[in-house]
């Protein structure tokens, strides 16, 4: 799994807030960057937690795969 996919998954799972979950899906699909999210005050804390969990390798790679399959848009 790449870093962006893992951070998007951890961000999605870190909150029940629909706005944060939408930003996680946008990150997964490349519609928004991590730099953009770091500028968003309402999401900064969740992003810091997600990055910390990524560094500690505290996530299930199978769940990340399922998340990506469910929410990644396919371009044809």
C-alpha atoms as a PDB file:
ATOM      1  CA  UNK A   1       0.000   0.000   0.000  1.00  0.00           C
ATOM      2  CA  UNK A   2       1.216   3.471  -0.793  1.00  0.00           C
ATOM      3  CA  UNK A   3       1.377   6.264   1.783  1.00  0.00           C
ATOM      4  CA  UNK A   4      -1.540   8.292   0.396  1.00  0.00           C
ATOM      5  CA  UNK A   5      -3.922   5.322   0.340  1.00  0.00           C
ATOM      6  CA  UNK A   6      -3.016   4.437   3.930  1.00  0.00           C
ATOM      7  CA  UNK A   7      -3.430   8.011   5.153  1.00  0.00           C
ATOM      8  CA  UNK A   8      -6.778   8.301   3.357  1.00  0.00           C
ATOM      9  CA  UNK A   9      -7.947   5.065   5.024  1.00  0.00           C
ATOM     10  CA  UNK A  10      -6.769   6.144   8.480  1.00  0.00           C
ATOM     11  CA  UNK A  11      -8.346   9.566   8.013  1.00  0.00           C
ATOM     12  CA  UNK A  12     -11.627   7.974   6.941  1.00  0.00           C
ATOM     13  CA  UNK A  13     -11.662   5.672   9.963  1.00  0.00           C
ATOM     14  CA  UNK A  14     -10.614   8.407  12.401  1.00  0.00           C
ATOM     15  CA  UNK A  15     -13.936  10.211  12.326  1.00  0.00           C
ATOM     16  CA  UNK A  16     -17.644   9.797  11.831  1.00  0.00           C
ATOM     17  CA  UNK A  17     -17.788  13.374  10.507  1.00  0.00           C
ATOM     18  CA  UNK A  18     -19.042  13.171   6.921  1.00  0.00           C
ATOM     19  CA  UNK A  19     -16.908  16.144   5.838  1.00  0.00           C
ATOM     20  CA  UNK A  20     -13.704  14.461   7.001  1.00  0.00           C
ATOM     21  CA  UNK A  21     -14.717  11.196   5.358  1.00  0.00           C
ATOM     22  CA  UNK A  22     -15.376  13.010   2.080  1.00  0.00           C
ATOM     23  CA  UNK A  23     -11.921  14.631   2.258  1.00  0.00           C
ATOM     24  CA  UNK A  24     -10.387  11.180   2.828  1.00  0.00           C
ATOM     25  CA  UNK A  25     -12.091   9.866  -0.314  1.00  0.00           C
ATOM     26  CA  UNK A  26     -10.968  12.953  -2.249  1.00  0.00           C
ATOM     27  CA  UNK A  27      -7.401  12.313  -1.066  1.00  0.00           C
ATOM     28  CA  UNK A  28      -7.622   8.695  -2.180  1.00  0.00           C
ATOM     29  CA  UNK A  29      -8.735   9.763  -5.650  1.00  0.00           C
ATOM     30  CA  UNK A  30      -6.213  12.584  -6.015  1.00  0.00           C
ATOM     31  CA  UNK A  31      -8.804  15.350  -5.925  1.00  0.00           C
ATOM     32  CA  UNK A  32      -7.049  16.969  -2.954  1.00  0.00           C
ATOM     33  CA  UNK A  33      -3.452  16.784  -1.684  1.00  0.00           C
ATOM     34  CA  UNK A  34      -2.075  16.238   1.796  1.00  0.00           C
ATOM     35  CA  UNK A  35      -0.683  19.773   1.609  1.00  0.00           C
ATOM     36  CA  UNK A  36      -4.207  21.097   0.970  1.00  0.00           C
ATOM     37  CA  UNK A  37      -5.567  19.114   3.913  1.00  0.00           C
ATOM     38  CA  UNK A  38      -2.855  20.427   6.238  1.00  0.00           C
ATOM     39  CA  UNK A  39      -4.121  23.958   5.514  1.00  0.00           C
ATOM     40  CA  UNK A  40      -7.673  22.981   6.531  1.00  0.00           C
ATOM     41  CA  UNK A  41      -7.957  23.703  10.267  1.00  0.00           C
ATOM     42  CA  UNK A  42     -10.977  21.443  10.737  1.00  0.00           C
ATOM     43  CA  UNK A  43      -9.077  18.373   9.526  1.00  0.00           C
ATOM     44  CA  UNK A  44      -5.539  19.039  10.820  1.00  0.00           C
ATOM     45  CA  UNK A  45      -5.853  17.062  14.060  1.00  0.00           C
ATOM     46  CA  UNK A  46      -7.234  14.000  12.294  1.00  0.00           C
ATOM     47  CA  UNK A  47      -4.482  14.217   9.681  1.00  0.00           C
ATOM     48  CA  UNK A  48      -1.762  14.347  12.352  1.00  0.00           C
ATOM     49  CA  UNK A  49      -3.252  11.267  14.019  1.00  0.00           C
ATOM     50  CA  UNK A  50      -3.456   9.424  10.682  1.00  0.00           C
ATOM     51  CA  UNK A  51       0.182  10.228   9.866  1.00  0.00           C
ATOM     52  CA  UNK A  52       1.251   9.100  13.338  1.00  0.00           C
ATOM     53  CA  UNK A  53      -0.584   5.780  12.993  1.00  0.00           C
ATOM     54  CA  UNK A  54       1.008   5.291   9.579  1.00  0.00           C
ATOM     55  CA  UNK A  55       4.495   5.771  11.021  1.00  0.00           C
ATOM     56  CA  UNK A  56       3.705   3.293  13.801  1.00  0.00           C
ATOM     57  CA  UNK A  57       2.280   0.843  11.243  1.00  0.00           C
ATOM     58  CA  UNK A  58      -0.976   0.644  13.247  1.00  0.00           C
ATOM     59  CA  UNK A  59      -3.409  -0.419  10.542  1.00  0.00           C
ATOM     60  CA  UNK A  60      -4.686  -3.531   8.817  1.00  0.00           C
ATOM     61  CA  UNK A  61      -3.438  -3.681   5.229  1.00  0.00           C
ATOM     62  CA  UNK A  62      -6.366  -5.869   4.195  1.00  0.00           C
ATOM     63  CA  UNK A  63      -8.794  -3.215   5.425  1.00  0.00           C
ATOM     64  CA  UNK A  64      -6.852  -0.547   3.512  1.00  0.00           C
ATOM     65  CA  UNK A  65      -7.202  -2.664   0.360  1.00  0.00           C
ATOM     66  CA  UNK A  66     -10.955  -3.018   0.874  1.00  0.00           C
ATOM     67  CA  UNK A  67     -11.264   0.732   1.481  1.00  0.00           C
ATOM     68  CA  UNK A  68      -9.408   1.489  -1.759  1.00  0.00           C
ATOM     69  CA  UNK A  69     -11.519  -0.974  -3.732  1.00  0.00           C
ATOM     70  CA  UNK A  70     -14.720   0.527  -2.350  1.00  0.00           C
ATOM     71  CA  UNK A  71     -13.969   4.221  -2.795  1.00  0.00           C
ATOM     72  CA  UNK A  72     -11.411   4.583  -5.601  1.00  0.00           C
ATOM     73  CA  UNK A  73     -12.933   5.872  -8.790  1.00  0.00           C
ATOM     74  CA  UNK A  74     -12.025   4.030 -11.939  1.00  0.00           C
ATOM     75  CA  UNK A  75     -11.190   6.014 -15.042  1.00  0.00           C
ATOM     76  CA  UNK A  76     -11.703   4.320 -18.380  1.00  0.00           C
END
